[in-house]
C-alpha atoms as a PDB file:
ATOM      1  CA  MET A   1       0.000   0.000   0.000  1.00  0.00           C
ATOM      2  CA  LYS A   2       2.843   2.392   0.871  1.00  0.00           C
ATOM      3  CA  LYS A   3       4.477   1.734  -2.498  1.00  0.00           C
ATOM      4  CA  LEU A   4       1.164   2.331  -4.289  1.00  0.00           C
ATOM      5  CA  LEU A   5       0.741   5.668  -2.488  1.00  0.00           C
ATOM      6  CA  MET A   6       4.272   6.675  -3.473  1.00  0.00           C
ATOM      7  CA  ILE A   7       3.502   5.859  -7.133  1.00  0.00           C
ATOM      8  CA  LEU A   8       0.259   7.840  -7.026  1.00  0.00           C
ATOM      9  CA  CYS A   9       1.953  10.818  -5.378  1.00  0.00           C
ATOM     10  CA  GLY A  10       4.691  10.694  -7.993  1.00  0.00           C
ATOM     11  CA  ALA A  11       2.135  10.696 -10.784  1.00  0.00           C
ATOM     12  CA  LEU A  12       0.332  13.678  -9.271  1.00  0.00           C
ATOM     13  CA  ILE A  13       3.606  15.591  -8.890  1.00  0.00           C
ATOM     14  CA  SER A  14       4.497  14.829 -12.523  1.00  0.00           C
ATOM     15  CA  ALA A  15       1.083  16.022 -13.695  1.00  0.00           C
ATOM     16  CA  ALA A  16       1.381  19.192 -11.628  1.00  0.00           C
ATOM     17  CA  ALA A  17       4.817  19.839 -13.076  1.00  0.00           C
ATOM     18  CA  LEU A  18       3.431  19.424 -16.591  1.00  0.00           C
ATOM     19  CA  PHE A  19       0.794  22.107 -16.088  1.00  0.00           C
ATOM     20  CA  ALA A  20       3.179  24.355 -14.114  1.00  0.00           C
ATOM     21  CA  GLN A  21       5.413  24.855 -17.160  1.00  0.00           C
ATOM     22  CA  VAL A  22       3.214  27.730 -18.313  1.00  0.00           C
ATOM     23  CA  SER A  23       2.827  30.807 -16.133  1.00  0.00           C
ATOM     24  CA  ALA A  24      -0.619  32.084 -15.198  1.00  0.00           C
ATOM     25  CA  GLU A  25       0.038  35.108 -17.402  1.00  0.00           C
ATOM     26  CA  ASP A  26       0.880  32.956 -20.434  1.00  0.00           C
ATOM     27  CA  GLN A  27      -2.095  30.684 -19.742  1.00  0.00           C
ATOM     28  CA  GLU A  28      -4.426  33.685 -19.868  1.00  0.00           C
ATOM     29  CA  LYS A  29      -2.699  35.006 -22.983  1.00  0.00           C
ATOM     30  CA  ALA A  30      -3.099  31.635 -24.726  1.00  0.00           C
ATOM     31  CA  TYR A  31      -6.785  31.365 -23.805  1.00  0.00           C
ATOM     32  CA  LYS A  32      -7.411  34.857 -25.154  1.00  0.00           C
ATOM     33  CA  ILE A  33      -5.656  33.982 -28.424  1.00  0.00           C
ATOM     34  CA  MET A  34      -7.759  30.827 -28.820  1.00  0.00           C
ATOM     35  CA  GLU A  35     -10.933  32.792 -28.055  1.00  0.00           C
ATOM     36  CA  ALA A  36      -9.838  35.434 -30.574  1.00  0.00           C
ATOM     37  CA  THR A  37      -9.661  32.713 -33.261  1.00  0.00           C
ATOM     38  CA  ASP A  38     -13.356  31.999 -32.647  1.00  0.00           C
ATOM     39  CA  LYS A  39     -14.294  35.685 -32.666  1.00  0.00           C
ATOM     40  CA  ALA A  40     -12.438  36.232 -35.956  1.00  0.00           C
ATOM     41  CA  LEU A  41     -14.580  33.596 -37.640  1.00  0.00           C
ATOM     42  CA  ALA A  42     -17.965  34.442 -39.107  1.00  0.00           C
ATOM     43  CA  TYR A  43     -19.836  31.724 -37.206  1.00  0.00           C
ATOM     44  CA  HIS A  44     -21.832  33.630 -34.584  1.00  0.00           C
ATOM     45  CA  GLY A  45     -25.512  33.287 -33.734  1.00  0.00           C
ATOM     46  CA  ASP A  46     -27.422  31.478 -36.498  1.00  0.00           C
ATOM     47  CA  TYR A  47     -25.740  30.255 -39.664  1.00  0.00           C
ATOM     48  CA  SER A  48     -26.017  27.490 -42.237  1.00  0.00           C
ATOM     49  CA  ALA A  49     -23.537  26.074 -44.742  1.00  0.00           C
ATOM     50  CA  THR A  50     -22.815  23.160 -47.038  1.00  0.00           C
ATOM     51  CA  ILE A  51     -19.823  21.008 -46.082  1.00  0.00           C
ATOM     52  CA  SER A  52     -18.313  18.952 -48.910  1.00  0.00           C
ATOM     53  CA  LEU A  53     -15.851  16.210 -48.005  1.00  0.00           C
ATOM     54  CA  ILE A  54     -13.447  14.552 -50.446  1.00  0.00           C
ATOM     55  CA  ILE A  55     -12.130  11.388 -48.784  1.00  0.00           C
ATOM     56  CA  LYS A  56      -8.923   9.872 -50.133  1.00  0.00           C
ATOM     57  CA  LYS A  57      -7.709   6.397 -49.195  1.00  0.00           C
ATOM     58  CA  PRO A  58      -4.835   4.552 -50.930  1.00  0.00           C
ATOM     59  CA  GLY A  59      -6.018   2.063 -53.548  1.00  0.00           C
ATOM     60  CA  LYS A  60      -9.603   3.332 -53.487  1.00  0.00           C
ATOM     61  CA  PRO A  61     -11.499   5.846 -55.627  1.00  0.00           C
ATOM     62  CA  ASP A  62     -12.140   9.211 -53.998  1.00  0.00           C
ATOM     63  CA  GLU A  63     -15.349   9.344 -51.971  1.00  0.00           C
ATOM     64  CA  HIS A  64     -17.488  12.485 -52.122  1.00  0.00           C
ATOM     65  CA  VAL A  65     -19.833  13.304 -49.246  1.00  0.00           C
ATOM     66  CA  ARG A  66     -21.897  16.427 -48.573  1.00  0.00           C
ATOM     67  CA  TYR A  67     -23.670  17.699 -45.473  1.00  0.00           C
ATOM     68  CA  LYS A  68     -25.855  20.648 -44.644  1.00  0.00           C
ATOM     69  CA  ILE A  69     -25.063  22.177 -41.251  1.00  0.00           C
ATOM     70  CA  PHE A  70     -27.302  24.474 -39.225  1.00  0.00           C
ATOM     71  CA  GLU A  71     -26.063  25.979 -35.972  1.00  0.00           C
ATOM     72  CA  ARG A  72     -27.196  28.416 -33.293  1.00  0.00           C
ATOM     73  CA  THR A  73     -23.908  28.993 -31.503  1.00  0.00           C
ATOM     74  CA  ASP A  74     -25.226  30.998 -28.553  1.00  0.00           C
ATOM     75  CA  LYS A  75     -27.615  28.156 -27.589  1.00  0.00           C
ATOM     76  CA  ASP A  76     -25.372  25.118 -28.325  1.00  0.00           C
ATOM     77  CA  LEU A  77     -27.853  23.932 -30.951  1.00  0.00           C
ATOM     78  CA  MET A  78     -26.676  22.186 -34.118  1.00  0.00           C
ATOM     79  CA  THR A  79     -28.231  20.038 -36.827  1.00  0.00           C
ATOM     80  CA  ILE A  80     -26.212  18.233 -39.509  1.00  0.00           C
ATOM     81  CA  VAL A  81     -27.929  16.464 -42.413  1.00  0.00           C
ATOM     82  CA  GLN A  82     -26.219  14.326 -45.054  1.00  0.00           C
ATOM     83  CA  ILE A  83     -27.367  15.309 -48.546  1.00  0.00           C
ATOM     84  CA  PHE A  84     -25.006  13.192 -50.711  1.00  0.00           C
ATOM     85  CA  PRO A  85     -24.559  10.410 -51.731  1.00  0.00           C
ATOM     86  CA  GLU A  86     -28.176   9.475 -52.333  1.00  0.00           C
ATOM     87  CA  ALA A  87     -27.835   6.147 -50.483  1.00  0.00           C
ATOM     88  CA  ASP A  88     -27.033   7.944 -47.223  1.00  0.00           C
ATOM     89  CA  LYS A  89     -29.278  10.946 -47.724  1.00  0.00           C
ATOM     90  CA  GLY A  90     -31.044  11.931 -44.522  1.00  0.00           C
ATOM     91  CA  VAL A  91     -28.452  10.603 -42.056  1.00  0.00           C
ATOM     92  CA  GLY A  92     -28.297  13.294 -39.431  1.00  0.00           C
ATOM     93  CA  TYR A  93     -26.939  14.576 -36.140  1.00  0.00           C
ATOM     94  CA  LEU A  94     -28.666  16.760 -33.597  1.00  0.00           C
ATOM     95  CA  ARG A  95     -27.084  18.641 -30.732  1.00  0.00           C
ATOM     96  CA  ASP A  96     -28.971  20.297 -27.883  1.00  0.00           C
ATOM     97  CA  GLY A  97     -26.496  21.388 -25.219  1.00  0.00           C
ATOM     98  CA  ASP A  98     -24.643  18.341 -23.917  1.00  0.00           C
ATOM     99  CA  ASN A  99     -26.985  15.909 -25.677  1.00  0.00           C
ATOM    100  CA  ILE A 100     -25.987  14.690 -29.145  1.00  0.00           C
ATOM    101  CA  TRP A 101     -27.966  12.186 -31.213  1.00  0.00           C
ATOM    102  CA  ALA A 102     -27.240  10.407 -34.496  1.00  0.00           C
ATOM    103  CA  TYR A 103     -30.277   9.727 -36.703  1.00  0.00           C
ATOM    104  CA  ASP A 104     -30.655   6.745 -39.066  1.00  0.00           C
ATOM    105  CA  PRO A 105     -33.401   7.466 -41.641  1.00  0.00           C
ATOM    106  CA  ILE A 106     -33.791   3.764 -42.539  1.00  0.00           C
ATOM    107  CA  SER A 107     -34.593   2.557 -39.012  1.00  0.00           C
ATOM    108  CA  ARG A 108     -35.941   6.024 -38.109  1.00  0.00           C
ATOM    109  CA  LYS A 109     -34.127   5.733 -34.791  1.00  0.00           C
ATOM    110  CA  PHE A 110     -31.972   8.123 -32.787  1.00  0.00           C
ATOM    111  CA  THR A 111     -28.924   6.930 -30.856  1.00  0.00           C
ATOM    112  CA  HIS A 112     -26.970   8.918 -28.321  1.00  0.00           C
ATOM    113  CA  THR A 113     -23.492   9.809 -29.581  1.00  0.00           C
ATOM    114  CA  SER A 114     -20.676  12.309 -28.930  1.00  0.00           C
ATOM    115  CA  LEU A 115     -18.714  15.109 -30.587  1.00  0.00           C
ATOM    116  CA  LYS A 116     -15.948  12.556 -31.231  1.00  0.00           C
ATOM    117  CA  GLU A 117     -17.943  10.756 -33.922  1.00  0.00           C
ATOM    118  CA  ALA A 118     -16.569  11.081 -37.454  1.00  0.00           C
ATOM    119  CA  LEU A 119     -18.639  12.348 -40.353  1.00  0.00           C
ATOM    120  CA  ALA A 120     -19.085   9.447 -42.798  1.00  0.00           C
ATOM    121  CA  ASP A 121     -15.786   7.567 -43.281  1.00  0.00           C
ATOM    122  CA  SER A 122     -13.767  10.775 -43.090  1.00  0.00           C
ATOM    123  CA  ASP A 123     -11.142  12.186 -40.728  1.00  0.00           C
ATOM    124  CA  VAL A 124     -13.482  15.073 -39.823  1.00  0.00           C
ATOM    125  CA  LYS A 125     -15.232  14.832 -36.457  1.00  0.00           C
ATOM    126  CA  ILE A 126     -18.386  16.560 -35.268  1.00  0.00           C
ATOM    127  CA  ASP A 127     -16.405  18.801 -32.909  1.00  0.00           C
ATOM    128  CA  ASP A 128     -14.365  20.091 -35.872  1.00  0.00           C
ATOM    129  CA  VAL A 129     -17.448  21.921 -37.152  1.00  0.00           C
ATOM    130  CA  GLU A 130     -18.960  22.809 -33.788  1.00  0.00           C
ATOM    131  CA  GLN A 131     -18.579  26.339 -32.377  1.00  0.00           C
ATOM    132  CA  ASN A 132     -18.661  27.135 -28.653  1.00  0.00           C
ATOM    133  CA  ASP A 133     -17.402  30.326 -27.011  1.00  0.00           C
ATOM    134  CA  THR A 134     -16.332  28.643 -23.754  1.00  0.00           C
ATOM    135  CA  ARG A 135     -14.905  25.361 -25.085  1.00  0.00           C
ATOM    136  CA  TRP A 136     -11.235  26.321 -24.634  1.00  0.00           C
ATOM    137  CA  ARG A 137     -11.388  27.197 -20.925  1.00  0.00           C
ATOM    138  CA  ASP A 138     -13.947  24.488 -20.168  1.00  0.00           C
ATOM    139  CA  ASN A 139     -12.102  21.596 -21.783  1.00  0.00           C
ATOM    140  CA  TYR A 140      -8.382  22.399 -21.989  1.00  0.00           C
ATOM    141  CA  GLU A 141      -5.327  23.301 -19.947  1.00  0.00           C
ATOM    142  CA  VAL A 142      -2.621  25.376 -21.655  1.00  0.00           C
ATOM    143  CA  THR A 143       0.646  23.408 -21.506  1.00  0.00           C
ATOM    144  CA  ASP A 144       2.848  25.438 -23.869  1.00  0.00           C
ATOM    145  CA  LEU A 145       2.949  28.845 -25.542  1.00  0.00           C
ATOM    146  CA  GLN A 146       5.661  29.764 -28.047  1.00  0.00           C
ATOM    147  CA  SER A 147       6.311  32.120 -30.932  1.00  0.00           C
ATOM    148  CA  GLY A 148       7.485  30.720 -34.261  1.00  0.00           C
ATOM    149  CA  THR A 149       6.939  30.739 -38.002  1.00  0.00           C
ATOM    150  CA  LEU A 150       4.917  28.601 -40.387  1.00  0.00           C
ATOM    151  CA  GLY A 151       6.484  29.089 -43.773  1.00  0.00           C
ATOM    152  CA  LYS A 152       7.037  32.846 -43.826  1.00  0.00           C
ATOM    153  CA  ILE A 153       4.153  33.663 -41.476  1.00  0.00           C
ATOM    154  CA  ASP A 154       4.743  34.620 -37.829  1.00  0.00           C
ATOM    155  CA  VAL A 155       2.581  32.459 -35.562  1.00  0.00           C
ATOM    156  CA  ASP A 156       1.751  31.746 -31.942  1.00  0.00           C
ATOM    157  CA  ILE A 157       2.117  28.030 -31.211  1.00  0.00           C
ATOM    158  CA  ILE A 158      -0.242  26.936 -28.440  1.00  0.00           C
ATOM    159  CA  THR A 159      -0.391  23.438 -26.972  1.00  0.00           C
ATOM    160  CA  LEU A 160      -3.569  22.440 -25.148  1.00  0.00           C
ATOM    161  CA  THR A 161      -4.096  19.311 -23.055  1.00  0.00           C
ATOM    162  CA  ALA A 162      -7.621  18.029 -22.458  1.00  0.00           C
ATOM    163  CA  LYS A 163      -8.902  18.263 -18.892  1.00  0.00           C
ATOM    164  CA  THR A 164     -12.304  16.725 -19.694  1.00  0.00           C
ATOM    165  CA  THR A 165     -13.406  13.800 -21.858  1.00  0.00           C
ATOM    166  CA  GLU A 166     -15.142  16.150 -24.328  1.00  0.00           C
ATOM    167  CA  PRO A 167     -12.224  16.716 -26.782  1.00  0.00           C
ATOM    168  CA  SER A 168     -11.492  14.040 -29.363  1.00  0.00           C
ATOM    169  CA  TYR A 169      -7.747  14.109 -28.606  1.00  0.00           C
ATOM    170  CA  VAL A 170      -5.684  14.251 -25.416  1.00  0.00           C
ATOM    171  CA  LYS A 171      -3.406  16.996 -26.739  1.00  0.00           C
ATOM    172  CA  SER A 172      -3.653  19.472 -29.610  1.00  0.00           C
ATOM    173  CA  LYS A 173      -1.163  22.005 -30.931  1.00  0.00           C
ATOM    174  CA  TYR A 174      -2.361  25.088 -32.819  1.00  0.00           C
ATOM    175  CA  TYR A 175      -0.398  27.385 -35.131  1.00  0.00           C
ATOM    176  CA  ILE A 176      -2.139  30.780 -35.189  1.00  0.00           C
ATOM    177  CA  ARG A 177      -1.288  33.848 -37.255  1.00  0.00           C
ATOM    178  CA  LYS A 178      -0.073  36.770 -35.153  1.00  0.00           C
ATOM    179  CA  ASP A 179      -1.443  39.514 -37.427  1.00  0.00           C
ATOM    180  CA  ILE A 180      -4.937  37.979 -37.728  1.00  0.00           C
ATOM    181  CA  PRO A 181      -5.969  35.299 -35.199  1.00  0.00           C
ATOM    182  CA  LEU A 182      -6.611  32.521 -37.721  1.00  0.00           C
ATOM    183  CA  VAL A 183      -5.610  28.884 -37.191  1.00  0.00           C
ATOM    184  CA  LEU A 184      -3.345  27.742 -40.033  1.00  0.00           C
ATOM    185  CA  LYS A 185      -2.432  24.312 -38.699  1.00  0.00           C
ATOM    186  CA  GLU A 186      -3.550  21.901 -35.986  1.00  0.00           C
ATOM    187  CA  GLU A 187      -1.770  18.769 -34.752  1.00  0.00           C
ATOM    188  CA  ASP A 188      -3.650  16.241 -32.610  1.00  0.00           C
ATOM    189  CA  PHE A 189      -1.893  13.742 -30.333  1.00  0.00           C
ATOM    190  CA  SER A 190      -2.739  10.604 -28.364  1.00  0.00           C
ATOM    191  CA  GLY A 191      -2.079  10.103 -24.655  1.00  0.00           C
ATOM    192  CA  SER A 192       1.295   8.561 -25.551  1.00  0.00           C
ATOM    193  CA  ASP A 193       2.169  11.742 -27.474  1.00  0.00           C
ATOM    194  CA  ARG A 194       1.843  10.084 -30.869  1.00  0.00           C
ATOM    195  CA  LEU A 195       0.770  12.359 -33.716  1.00  0.00           C
ATOM    196  CA  MET A 196      -2.659  11.151 -34.801  1.00  0.00           C
ATOM    197  CA  ARG A 197      -3.939  13.826 -37.141  1.00  0.00           C
ATOM    198  CA  THR A 198      -2.835  17.036 -38.871  1.00  0.00           C
ATOM    199  CA  ILE A 199      -5.216  19.724 -40.122  1.00  0.00           C
ATOM    200  CA  LEU A 200      -4.016  22.316 -42.635  1.00  0.00           C
ATOM    201  CA  ILE A 201      -6.177  25.379 -43.290  1.00  0.00           C
ATOM    202  CA  PRO A 202      -4.633  27.276 -46.220  1.00  0.00           C
ATOM    203  CA  LYS A 203      -7.685  29.234 -47.396  1.00  0.00           C
ATOM    204  CA  TYR A 204      -9.839  31.805 -45.642  1.00  0.00           C
ATOM    205  CA  ALA A 205     -12.354  34.208 -47.150  1.00  0.00           C
ATOM    206  CA  LYS A 206     -13.364  37.556 -45.625  1.00  0.00           C
ATOM    207  CA  VAL A 207     -17.107  38.168 -45.340  1.00  0.00           C
ATOM    208  CA  PRO A 208     -18.938  40.953 -43.468  1.00  0.00           C
ATOM    209  CA  ALA A 209     -19.396  38.757 -40.369  1.00  0.00           C
ATOM    210  CA  GLY A 210     -15.727  37.710 -40.200  1.00  0.00           C
ATOM    211  CA  TYR A 211     -13.491  35.053 -41.753  1.00  0.00           C
ATOM    212  CA  VAL A 212     -14.513  31.698 -43.202  1.00  0.00           C
ATOM    213  CA  SER A 213     -12.159  28.747 -43.624  1.00  0.00           C
ATOM    214  CA  THR A 214     -13.273  27.795 -47.113  1.00  0.00           C
ATOM    215  CA  GLN A 215     -10.933  24.810 -47.415  1.00  0.00           C
ATOM    216  CA  ALA A 216      -9.096  22.534 -44.999  1.00  0.00           C
ATOM    217  CA  THR A 217      -7.188  19.272 -45.341  1.00  0.00           C
ATOM    218  CA  VAL A 218      -7.380  16.712 -42.534  1.00  0.00           C
ATOM    219  CA  ARG A 219      -4.531  14.194 -42.760  1.00  0.00           C
ATOM    220  CA  ASP A 220      -4.585  10.823 -40.978  1.00  0.00           C
ATOM    221  CA  GLU A 221      -1.072  10.364 -39.586  1.00  0.00           C
ATOM    222  CA  LEU A 222      -1.612   6.721 -38.601  1.00  0.00           C
ATOM    223  CA  ASN A 223      -2.730   5.577 -42.049  1.00  0.00           C
ATOM    224  CA  LYS A 224      -0.382   7.256 -44.496  1.00  0.00           C
ATOM    225  CA  GLY A 225      -2.033   8.516 -47.636  1.00  0.00           C
ATOM    226  CA  GLU A 226      -5.460   8.890 -46.031  1.00  0.00           C
ATOM    227  CA  GLN A 227      -6.832  12.414 -45.905  1.00  0.00           C
ATOM    228  CA  THR A 228     -10.069  14.367 -46.111  1.00  0.00           C
ATOM    229  CA  THR A 229     -10.453  17.722 -47.831  1.00  0.00           C
ATOM    230  CA  GLN A 230     -13.253  19.846 -46.391  1.00  0.00           C
ATOM    231  CA  ILE A 231     -14.798  22.629 -48.495  1.00  0.00           C
ATOM    232  CA  ILE A 232     -17.322  25.151 -47.128  1.00  0.00           C
ATOM    233  CA  SER A 233     -19.872  26.741 -49.479  1.00  0.00           C
ATOM    234  CA  GLU A 234     -23.361  28.273 -49.506  1.00  0.00           C
ATOM    235  CA  LEU A 235     -22.742  30.029 -46.190  1.00  0.00           C
ATOM    236  CA  THR A 236     -25.606  32.177 -44.906  1.00  0.00           C
ATOM    237  CA  PHE A 237     -26.248  34.024 -41.648  1.00  0.00           C
ATOM    238  CA  ASP A 238     -30.027  34.280 -41.795  1.00  0.00           C
ATOM    239  CA  SER A 239     -32.087  33.544 -38.686  1.00  0.00           C
ATOM    240  CA  LEU A 240     -33.072  29.884 -38.581  1.00  0.00           C
ATOM    241  CA  PRO A 241     -36.498  28.566 -37.512  1.00  0.00           C
ATOM    242  CA  ASP A 242     -36.538  26.752 -34.170  1.00  0.00           C
ATOM    243  CA  LYS A 243     -37.950  23.597 -35.776  1.00  0.00           C
ATOM    244  CA  ILE A 244     -34.626  22.894 -37.502  1.00  0.00           C
ATOM    245  CA  PHE A 245     -33.111  22.013 -34.125  1.00  0.00           C
ATOM    246  CA  THR A 246     -35.581  19.223 -33.321  1.00  0.00           C
ATOM    247  CA  LYS A 247     -35.796  15.480 -33.853  1.00  0.00           C
ATOM    248  CA  ALA A 248     -39.047  16.041 -35.727  1.00  0.00           C
ATOM    249  CA  TYR A 249     -37.172  18.063 -38.352  1.00  0.00           C
ATOM    250  CA  LEU A 250     -34.781  15.182 -39.137  1.00  0.00           C
ATOM    251  CA  GLU A 251     -37.660  12.687 -39.141  1.00  0.00           C
ATOM    252  CA  GLY A 252     -39.637  14.857 -41.562  1.00  0.00           C
ATOM    253  CA  LEU A 253     -36.896  15.035 -44.199  1.00  0.00           C
ATOM    254  CA  ASN A 254     -37.590  11.524 -45.532  1.00  0.00           C
END
């Protein structure tokens, strides 16, 4: 028992040392930078968009998948509906606060799921398209803050470690432009610090409400050659009817 207590104490000291590497001042600075990346984006209040995914896997033809996303960011409401291919049309996801359901139009049944679920057979997860103003402070601890460059662009490099089970990955590293707070690159790691996934966001468009990441590439680092390209189109910021964020809406599409 004494040996077990010593091991546990050692683990707690190691964990404390990990989080103590960043000063309180740098932690607050990093959180504000991450929050600024959300504010710079156009996704506030109600919006809708089409998400097209091009899924590449070695030895297989490219797979094309499209979804329609509706979100009310200030209420944690989100509905995602698959619109292509025809065979999977009507597959959907519904979020209401902490509750997330997947909908199967064939069985007409809802099953409880999480933000970690992937869209189709892609490397894109539900939490990649979800917006939430408090997600950084709620779910992550800042474990590193550095300045660097990505190509010729000056960036802040922020490493976040999950402190809840909500994030899909234990650790994520973000490369954020210093002149405009836009994420250019994200690296996601496992608990053993193995690189699992890399996201590259080379294209943003400026619209009246902010910036939109019109294209991103999500690369699977465990299965070389596998990647998903995500393209955003048909973005609107009109007020959405409440019925869109209900189970009845998904059921009524088929």
